Amino acid sequence: MIFSETIPLSTKGFSDIIDMTPHVVEVLKRSGIEDGLVTVFCPGSTGSVTTIEYESGVLRDLQKVIEKIVPSDSPYEHGAPRASPWSPRVIPTYAPGR
């Protein structure tokens, strides 16, 4: 079975991090799928998707790493270089209770 749904999100810019877990869980509940693979994909060139512990210290550390690797004060023609070191998708497995 294949189920597809779009989760519209907006960010504040500058390495804004959004916990998508509750959004994905709600989509999974609506899908009726009991186990399998979930593809989470960001179609924009200035965004990316990753897995990380959603805890304030870890989030600040990630933002510092992004700033160190791709500084925001560099004269980029486009914002895409800040997102390019990370993937536009993750494909975690899904099973109830996990």
N, C-alpha and C. Protein backbone atom coordinates (compact mmCIF):
# COMPACT_ATOMS: atom_id res chain seq x y z
N MET A 1 0.84 -1.18 0.00
CA MET A 1 0.00 0.00 0.00
C MET A 1 0.88 1.24 0.00
N ILE A 2 0.49 2.24 -0.77
CA ILE A 2 1.19 3.52 -0.81
C ILE A 2 0.22 4.59 -0.37
N PHE A 3 0.67 5.46 0.52
CA PHE A 3 -0.13 6.58 1.01
C PHE A 3 0.74 7.82 0.93
N SER A 4 0.19 8.90 0.44
CA SER A 4 0.97 10.13 0.30
C SER A 4 0.18 11.30 0.86
N GLU A 5 0.89 12.18 1.54
CA GLU A 5 0.26 13.39 2.07
C GLU A 5 1.34 14.46 2.19
N THR A 6 0.95 15.70 1.97
CA THR A 6 1.85 16.83 2.11
C THR A 6 1.65 17.48 3.48
N ILE A 7 2.75 17.81 4.14
CA ILE A 7 2.71 18.51 5.42
C ILE A 7 3.26 19.91 5.17
N PRO A 8 2.38 20.92 5.10
CA PRO A 8 2.88 22.27 4.86
C PRO A 8 3.53 22.85 6.12
N LEU A 9 4.74 23.39 5.97
CA LEU A 9 5.46 23.99 7.09
C LEU A 9 6.10 25.29 6.64
N SER A 10 6.28 26.20 7.57
CA SER A 10 7.01 27.44 7.33
C SER A 10 8.09 27.57 8.38
N THR A 11 9.24 28.10 7.97
CA THR A 11 10.33 28.31 8.92
C THR A 11 10.57 29.81 9.11
N LYS A 12 11.35 30.12 10.12
CA LYS A 12 11.72 31.50 10.40
C LYS A 12 13.04 31.87 9.72
N GLY A 13 13.64 30.91 9.00
CA GLY A 13 14.93 31.15 8.37
C GLY A 13 16.07 30.89 9.34
N PHE A 14 17.30 31.22 8.93
CA PHE A 14 18.52 31.04 9.72
C PHE A 14 18.53 29.73 10.49
N SER A 15 18.60 28.65 9.79
CA SER A 15 18.74 27.32 10.39
C SER A 15 17.62 26.99 11.37
N ASP A 16 16.43 27.48 11.10
CA ASP A 16 15.28 27.15 11.94
C ASP A 16 15.05 25.64 11.88
N ILE A 17 14.79 25.02 13.03
CA ILE A 17 14.63 23.58 13.11
C ILE A 17 13.21 23.29 13.60
N ILE A 18 12.52 22.43 12.87
CA ILE A 18 11.14 22.06 13.20
C ILE A 18 11.09 20.57 13.49
N ASP A 19 10.47 20.22 14.61
CA ASP A 19 10.25 18.81 14.94
C ASP A 19 9.05 18.33 14.14
N MET A 20 9.30 17.51 13.14
CA MET A 20 8.23 17.01 12.27
C MET A 20 7.58 15.74 12.81
N THR A 21 8.12 15.17 13.86
CA THR A 21 7.63 13.90 14.38
C THR A 21 6.12 13.89 14.61
N PRO A 22 5.54 14.86 15.34
CA PRO A 22 4.09 14.81 15.55
C PRO A 22 3.29 14.89 14.26
N HIS A 23 3.79 15.65 13.29
CA HIS A 23 3.10 15.76 11.99
C HIS A 23 3.12 14.42 11.25
N VAL A 24 4.28 13.77 11.25
CA VAL A 24 4.42 12.48 10.57
C VAL A 24 3.58 11.42 11.26
N VAL A 25 3.55 11.42 12.58
CA VAL A 25 2.74 10.44 13.34
C VAL A 25 1.26 10.60 12.98
N GLU A 26 0.79 11.82 12.88
CA GLU A 26 -0.62 12.04 12.52
C GLU A 26 -0.92 11.53 11.11
N VAL A 27 -0.01 11.75 10.18
CA VAL A 27 -0.20 11.23 8.81
C VAL A 27 -0.24 9.71 8.85
N LEU A 28 0.65 9.08 9.61
CA LEU A 28 0.67 7.62 9.71
C LEU A 28 -0.63 7.09 10.29
N LYS A 29 -1.18 7.76 11.28
CA LYS A 29 -2.46 7.33 11.86
C LYS A 29 -3.56 7.38 10.82
N ARG A 30 -3.60 8.47 10.04
CA ARG A 30 -4.63 8.60 9.00
C ARG A 30 -4.47 7.58 7.88
N SER A 31 -3.22 7.15 7.64
CA SER A 31 -2.95 6.25 6.52
C SER A 31 -3.50 4.85 6.74
N GLY A 32 -3.57 4.41 7.99
CA GLY A 32 -3.98 3.04 8.27
C GLY A 32 -2.88 2.01 8.07
N ILE A 33 -1.70 2.47 7.69
CA ILE A 33 -0.57 1.56 7.48
C ILE A 33 0.00 1.16 8.84
N GLU A 34 0.25 -0.13 9.02
CA GLU A 34 0.71 -0.62 10.33
C GLU A 34 2.22 -0.72 10.44
N ASP A 35 2.94 -0.97 9.36
CA ASP A 35 4.39 -0.96 9.38
C ASP A 35 4.92 -0.79 7.97
N GLY A 36 6.15 -0.34 7.88
CA GLY A 36 6.75 -0.13 6.56
C GLY A 36 7.79 0.98 6.59
N LEU A 37 7.94 1.68 5.48
CA LEU A 37 8.88 2.77 5.36
C LEU A 37 8.13 4.08 5.18
N VAL A 38 8.72 5.14 5.73
CA VAL A 38 8.15 6.48 5.60
C VAL A 38 9.19 7.34 4.89
N THR A 39 8.80 8.02 3.84
CA THR A 39 9.70 8.95 3.19
C THR A 39 9.29 10.37 3.57
N VAL A 40 10.21 11.10 4.17
CA VAL A 40 10.00 12.51 4.49
C VAL A 40 10.93 13.29 3.58
N PHE A 41 10.35 14.14 2.74
CA PHE A 41 11.11 14.82 1.69
C PHE A 41 10.84 16.31 1.72
N CYS A 42 11.87 17.11 1.59
CA CYS A 42 11.76 18.56 1.52
C CYS A 42 12.05 18.98 0.08
N PRO A 43 11.05 19.46 -0.66
CA PRO A 43 11.27 19.76 -2.07
C PRO A 43 12.04 21.06 -2.34
N GLY A 44 12.18 21.93 -1.37
CA GLY A 44 12.86 23.20 -1.60
C GLY A 44 14.38 23.06 -1.57
N SER A 45 15.07 23.94 -2.28
CA SER A 45 16.53 23.87 -2.34
C SER A 45 17.19 24.47 -1.11
N THR A 46 16.45 25.19 -0.28
CA THR A 46 17.05 25.82 0.90
C THR A 46 16.67 25.12 2.20
N GLY A 47 16.07 23.94 2.10
CA GLY A 47 15.70 23.18 3.29
C GLY A 47 16.30 21.80 3.24
N SER A 48 16.28 21.12 4.37
CA SER A 48 16.78 19.75 4.43
C SER A 48 16.07 19.01 5.55
N VAL A 49 16.26 17.69 5.58
CA VAL A 49 15.63 16.84 6.58
C VAL A 49 16.71 15.98 7.21
N THR A 50 16.66 15.84 8.52
CA THR A 50 17.61 14.98 9.20
C THR A 50 16.94 14.39 10.43
N THR A 51 17.60 13.46 11.06
CA THR A 51 17.12 12.94 12.33
C THR A 51 18.09 13.40 13.41
N ILE A 52 17.53 13.86 14.51
CA ILE A 52 18.34 14.36 15.62
C ILE A 52 17.47 14.35 16.87
N GLU A 53 18.11 14.22 18.01
CA GLU A 53 17.37 14.31 19.27
C GLU A 53 16.87 15.74 19.40
N TYR A 54 15.56 15.91 19.53
CA TYR A 54 14.97 17.25 19.57
C TYR A 54 15.04 17.78 21.00
N GLU A 55 16.22 18.24 21.36
CA GLU A 55 16.50 18.75 22.71
C GLU A 55 17.24 20.07 22.52
N SER A 56 16.95 21.06 23.33
CA SER A 56 17.43 22.42 23.10
C SER A 56 18.95 22.51 22.93
N GLY A 57 19.73 21.82 23.74
CA GLY A 57 21.19 21.87 23.61
C GLY A 57 21.66 21.28 22.29
N VAL A 58 21.08 20.18 21.89
CA VAL A 58 21.46 19.54 20.63
C VAL A 58 21.07 20.44 19.46
N LEU A 59 19.91 21.06 19.54
CA LEU A 59 19.47 21.95 18.46
C LEU A 59 20.40 23.15 18.32
N ARG A 60 20.80 23.75 19.44
CA ARG A 60 21.74 24.87 19.38
C ARG A 60 23.08 24.42 18.80
N ASP A 61 23.54 23.23 19.21
CA ASP A 61 24.79 22.71 18.67
C ASP A 61 24.71 22.52 17.16
N LEU A 62 23.59 21.99 16.68
CA LEU A 62 23.42 21.79 15.24
C LEU A 62 23.46 23.13 14.51
N GLN A 63 22.79 24.13 15.06
CA GLN A 63 22.81 25.45 14.43
C GLN A 63 24.23 26.02 14.40
N LYS A 64 25.01 25.78 15.45
CA LYS A 64 26.40 26.24 15.46
C LYS A 64 27.23 25.52 14.40
N VAL A 65 26.99 24.22 14.24
CA VAL A 65 27.71 23.44 13.23
C VAL A 65 27.38 23.97 11.83
N ILE A 66 26.10 24.21 11.58
CA ILE A 66 25.69 24.74 10.27
C ILE A 66 26.37 26.08 10.02
N GLU A 67 26.37 26.94 11.03
CA GLU A 67 26.99 28.26 10.88
C GLU A 67 28.50 28.15 10.63
N LYS A 68 29.15 27.17 11.27
CA LYS A 68 30.59 26.99 11.09
C LYS A 68 30.92 26.45 9.69
N ILE A 69 30.13 25.48 9.22
CA ILE A 69 30.39 24.87 7.91
C ILE A 69 30.01 25.82 6.77
N VAL A 70 28.87 26.48 6.91
CA VAL A 70 28.37 27.37 5.86
C VAL A 70 27.93 28.69 6.52
N PRO A 71 28.87 29.60 6.76
CA PRO A 71 28.55 30.84 7.49
C PRO A 71 27.47 31.67 6.80
N SER A 72 26.59 32.22 7.62
CA SER A 72 25.49 33.02 7.08
C SER A 72 25.94 34.39 6.57
N ASP A 73 27.11 34.86 7.01
CA ASP A 73 27.57 36.17 6.57
C ASP A 73 28.42 36.14 5.31
N SER A 74 28.52 34.98 4.68
CA SER A 74 29.22 34.90 3.39
C SER A 74 28.32 35.45 2.29
N PRO A 75 28.91 36.04 1.25
CA PRO A 75 28.10 36.65 0.20
C PRO A 75 27.56 35.64 -0.82
N TYR A 76 26.61 34.80 -0.41
CA TYR A 76 26.02 33.82 -1.32
C TYR A 76 25.05 34.51 -2.27
N GLU A 77 24.96 33.98 -3.48
CA GLU A 77 23.97 34.46 -4.44
C GLU A 77 22.58 33.90 -4.13
N HIS A 78 22.56 32.77 -3.42
CA HIS A 78 21.31 32.06 -3.12
C HIS A 78 21.49 31.33 -1.80
N GLY A 79 20.42 31.05 -1.07
CA GLY A 79 20.53 30.39 0.23
C GLY A 79 20.79 28.90 0.17
N ALA A 80 20.74 28.30 -1.01
CA ALA A 80 20.87 26.85 -1.14
C ALA A 80 22.17 26.27 -0.56
N PRO A 81 23.30 26.96 -0.63
CA PRO A 81 24.53 26.36 -0.08
C PRO A 81 24.42 26.01 1.41
N ARG A 82 23.59 26.72 2.18
CA ARG A 82 23.46 26.41 3.61
C ARG A 82 22.73 25.09 3.83
N ALA A 83 21.88 24.68 2.92
CA ALA A 83 21.15 23.42 3.07
C ALA A 83 21.83 22.27 2.35
N SER A 84 22.70 22.56 1.42
CA SER A 84 23.25 21.50 0.57
C SER A 84 24.07 20.43 1.27
N PRO A 85 24.74 20.70 2.42
CA PRO A 85 25.47 19.59 3.06
C PRO A 85 24.58 18.50 3.65
N TRP A 86 23.27 18.77 3.74
CA TRP A 86 22.35 17.81 4.33
C TRP A 86 21.38 17.30 3.29
N SER A 87 20.76 16.20 3.58
CA SER A 87 19.86 15.54 2.63
C SER A 87 18.49 16.20 2.59
N PRO A 88 17.81 16.18 1.45
CA PRO A 88 16.44 16.67 1.39
C PRO A 88 15.42 15.61 1.83
N ARG A 89 15.91 14.41 2.27
CA ARG A 89 14.96 13.36 2.64
C ARG A 89 15.56 12.42 3.69
N VAL A 90 14.67 11.78 4.45
CA VAL A 90 15.01 10.67 5.33
C VAL A 90 13.96 9.58 5.08
N ILE A 91 14.35 8.33 5.29
CA ILE A 91 13.43 7.21 5.08
C ILE A 91 13.52 6.28 6.29
N PRO A 92 12.86 6.65 7.39
CA PRO A 92 12.88 5.78 8.56
C PRO A 92 11.87 4.63 8.43
N THR A 93 12.09 3.56 9.18
CA THR A 93 11.10 2.50 9.22
C THR A 93 10.00 2.89 10.19
N TYR A 94 8.84 2.27 10.02
CA TYR A 94 7.71 2.56 10.89
C TYR A 94 7.10 1.27 11.38
N ALA A 95 6.87 1.21 12.66
CA ALA A 95 6.12 0.11 13.29
C ALA A 95 5.44 0.70 14.51
N PRO A 96 4.25 0.26 14.85
CA PRO A 96 3.54 0.82 16.00
C PRO A 96 4.40 0.76 17.26
N GLY A 97 4.34 1.86 18.02
CA GLY A 97 5.07 1.90 19.28
C GLY A 97 6.52 2.33 19.16
N ARG A 98 6.99 2.60 17.93
CA ARG A 98 8.37 3.05 17.75
C ARG A 98 8.41 4.45 17.21
